[in-house]
C-alpha atoms as a PDB file:
ATOM      1  CA  UNK A   1       8.615   8.758  17.834  1.00  0.00           C
ATOM      2  CA  UNK A   2       8.859  11.902  15.598  1.00  0.00           C
ATOM      3  CA  UNK A   3       6.592  12.072  12.937  1.00  0.00           C
ATOM      4  CA  UNK A   4       6.345  14.521   9.834  1.00  0.00           C
ATOM      5  CA  UNK A   5       2.914  14.966   7.886  1.00  0.00           C
ATOM      6  CA  UNK A   6       3.548  16.909   4.642  1.00  0.00           C
ATOM      7  CA  UNK A   7      -0.085  18.200   4.635  1.00  0.00           C
ATOM      8  CA  UNK A   8       0.383  19.879   7.985  1.00  0.00           C
ATOM      9  CA  UNK A   9       3.415  21.822   6.254  1.00  0.00           C
ATOM     10  CA  UNK A  10       1.947  22.157   2.689  1.00  0.00           C
ATOM     11  CA  UNK A  11       1.753  25.852   2.854  1.00  0.00           C
ATOM     12  CA  UNK A  12       5.485  26.075   3.063  1.00  0.00           C
ATOM     13  CA  UNK A  13       6.649  23.364   0.664  1.00  0.00           C
ATOM     14  CA  UNK A  14       6.419  23.425  -3.065  1.00  0.00           C
ATOM     15  CA  UNK A  15       5.996  20.264  -4.969  1.00  0.00           C
ATOM     16  CA  UNK A  16       8.711  19.609  -7.421  1.00  0.00           C
ATOM     17  CA  UNK A  17       7.728  16.273  -8.542  1.00  0.00           C
ATOM     18  CA  UNK A  18       4.987  13.565  -7.754  1.00  0.00           C
ATOM     19  CA  UNK A  19       4.803  10.231  -9.045  1.00  0.00           C
ATOM     20  CA  UNK A  20       1.824   8.875  -7.031  1.00  0.00           C
ATOM     21  CA  UNK A  21       4.209   6.962  -4.799  1.00  0.00           C
ATOM     22  CA  UNK A  22       6.968   9.230  -4.355  1.00  0.00           C
ATOM     23  CA  UNK A  23       6.995  13.080  -4.025  1.00  0.00           C
ATOM     24  CA  UNK A  24       9.926  15.698  -4.149  1.00  0.00           C
ATOM     25  CA  UNK A  25       9.373  18.872  -2.130  1.00  0.00           C
ATOM     26  CA  UNK A  26      11.333  22.341  -1.640  1.00  0.00           C
ATOM     27  CA  UNK A  27      11.222  24.150   1.861  1.00  0.00           C
ATOM     28  CA  UNK A  28      10.400  27.670   1.082  1.00  0.00           C
ATOM     29  CA  UNK A  29       9.680  28.527   4.868  1.00  0.00           C
ATOM     30  CA  UNK A  30      13.166  27.182   6.600  1.00  0.00           C
ATOM     31  CA  UNK A  31      10.691  24.293   8.245  1.00  0.00           C
ATOM     32  CA  UNK A  32      12.915  22.355  10.600  1.00  0.00           C
ATOM     33  CA  UNK A  33      13.909  18.661  10.182  1.00  0.00           C
ATOM     34  CA  UNK A  34      12.562  16.449  12.549  1.00  0.00           C
ATOM     35  CA  UNK A  35      15.537  14.417  12.967  1.00  0.00           C
ATOM     36  CA  UNK A  36      17.957  17.067  13.564  1.00  0.00           C
ATOM     37  CA  UNK A  37      15.995  20.456  14.068  1.00  0.00           C
ATOM     38  CA  UNK A  38      17.872  22.104  11.265  1.00  0.00           C
ATOM     39  CA  UNK A  39      16.243  23.764   8.251  1.00  0.00           C
ATOM     40  CA  UNK A  40      16.504  21.430   5.174  1.00  0.00           C
ATOM     41  CA  UNK A  41      16.414  22.401   1.666  1.00  0.00           C
ATOM     42  CA  UNK A  42      14.214  19.478  -0.124  1.00  0.00           C
ATOM     43  CA  UNK A  43      12.333  16.637   1.275  1.00  0.00           C
ATOM     44  CA  UNK A  44      11.679  13.501  -0.830  1.00  0.00           C
ATOM     45  CA  UNK A  45       9.029  11.057   0.424  1.00  0.00           C
ATOM     46  CA  UNK A  46       8.535   7.393  -0.639  1.00  0.00           C
ATOM     47  CA  UNK A  47       6.197   5.016  -0.048  1.00  0.00           C
ATOM     48  CA  UNK A  48       7.499   2.278  -2.143  1.00  0.00           C
ATOM     49  CA  UNK A  49       9.424  -0.539  -0.350  1.00  0.00           C
ATOM     50  CA  UNK A  50      12.309   0.111  -2.866  1.00  0.00           C
ATOM     51  CA  UNK A  51      13.885   3.417  -4.163  1.00  0.00           C
ATOM     52  CA  UNK A  52      17.068   4.418  -5.866  1.00  0.00           C
ATOM     53  CA  UNK A  53      18.483   7.727  -5.118  1.00  0.00           C
ATOM     54  CA  UNK A  54      20.322   9.537  -8.140  1.00  0.00           C
ATOM     55  CA  UNK A  55      24.039  10.316  -7.029  1.00  0.00           C
ATOM     56  CA  UNK A  56      23.952  13.475  -4.572  1.00  0.00           C
ATOM     57  CA  UNK A  57      26.475  16.269  -4.716  1.00  0.00           C
ATOM     58  CA  UNK A  58      27.974  15.878  -1.068  1.00  0.00           C
ATOM     59  CA  UNK A  59      24.823  16.961   0.593  1.00  0.00           C
ATOM     60  CA  UNK A  60      24.000  15.822   4.093  1.00  0.00           C
ATOM     61  CA  UNK A  61      20.773  13.614   4.405  1.00  0.00           C
ATOM     62  CA  UNK A  62      18.401  12.790   7.248  1.00  0.00           C
ATOM     63  CA  UNK A  63      16.148   9.951   7.194  1.00  0.00           C
ATOM     64  CA  UNK A  64      12.750   9.572   9.274  1.00  0.00           C
ATOM     65  CA  UNK A  65      10.494   6.496   9.176  1.00  0.00           C
ATOM     66  CA  UNK A  66       7.229   6.446  10.340  1.00  0.00           C
ATOM     67  CA  UNK A  67       4.054   4.520   9.904  1.00  0.00           C
ATOM     68  CA  UNK A  68       2.995   5.879   6.658  1.00  0.00           C
ATOM     69  CA  UNK A  69       5.968   6.479   4.710  1.00  0.00           C
ATOM     70  CA  UNK A  70       9.754   7.219   4.828  1.00  0.00           C
ATOM     71  CA  UNK A  71      10.943  10.645   4.581  1.00  0.00           C
ATOM     72  CA  UNK A  72      14.463  12.001   3.477  1.00  0.00           C
ATOM     73  CA  UNK A  73      15.285  15.504   4.162  1.00  0.00           C
ATOM     74  CA  UNK A  74      18.164  17.107   2.023  1.00  0.00           C
ATOM     75  CA  UNK A  75      20.258  19.551   3.944  1.00  0.00           C
END
């Protein structure tokens, strides 16, 4: 199963928001998405069991669930 550890990629990500249980990151170094291998623009990570997402602009999303969190990659 693929995993994604934000801390392993921290040098290439800019944190835009952090609530303690959710975080939003900007990909500044074209890190590849572990789901589809294409570079992603933003990464939303949550440890909350339920999360509401704002309406999007038609962007494509990839979702990765690992033991620690759910990671949402926006392309």
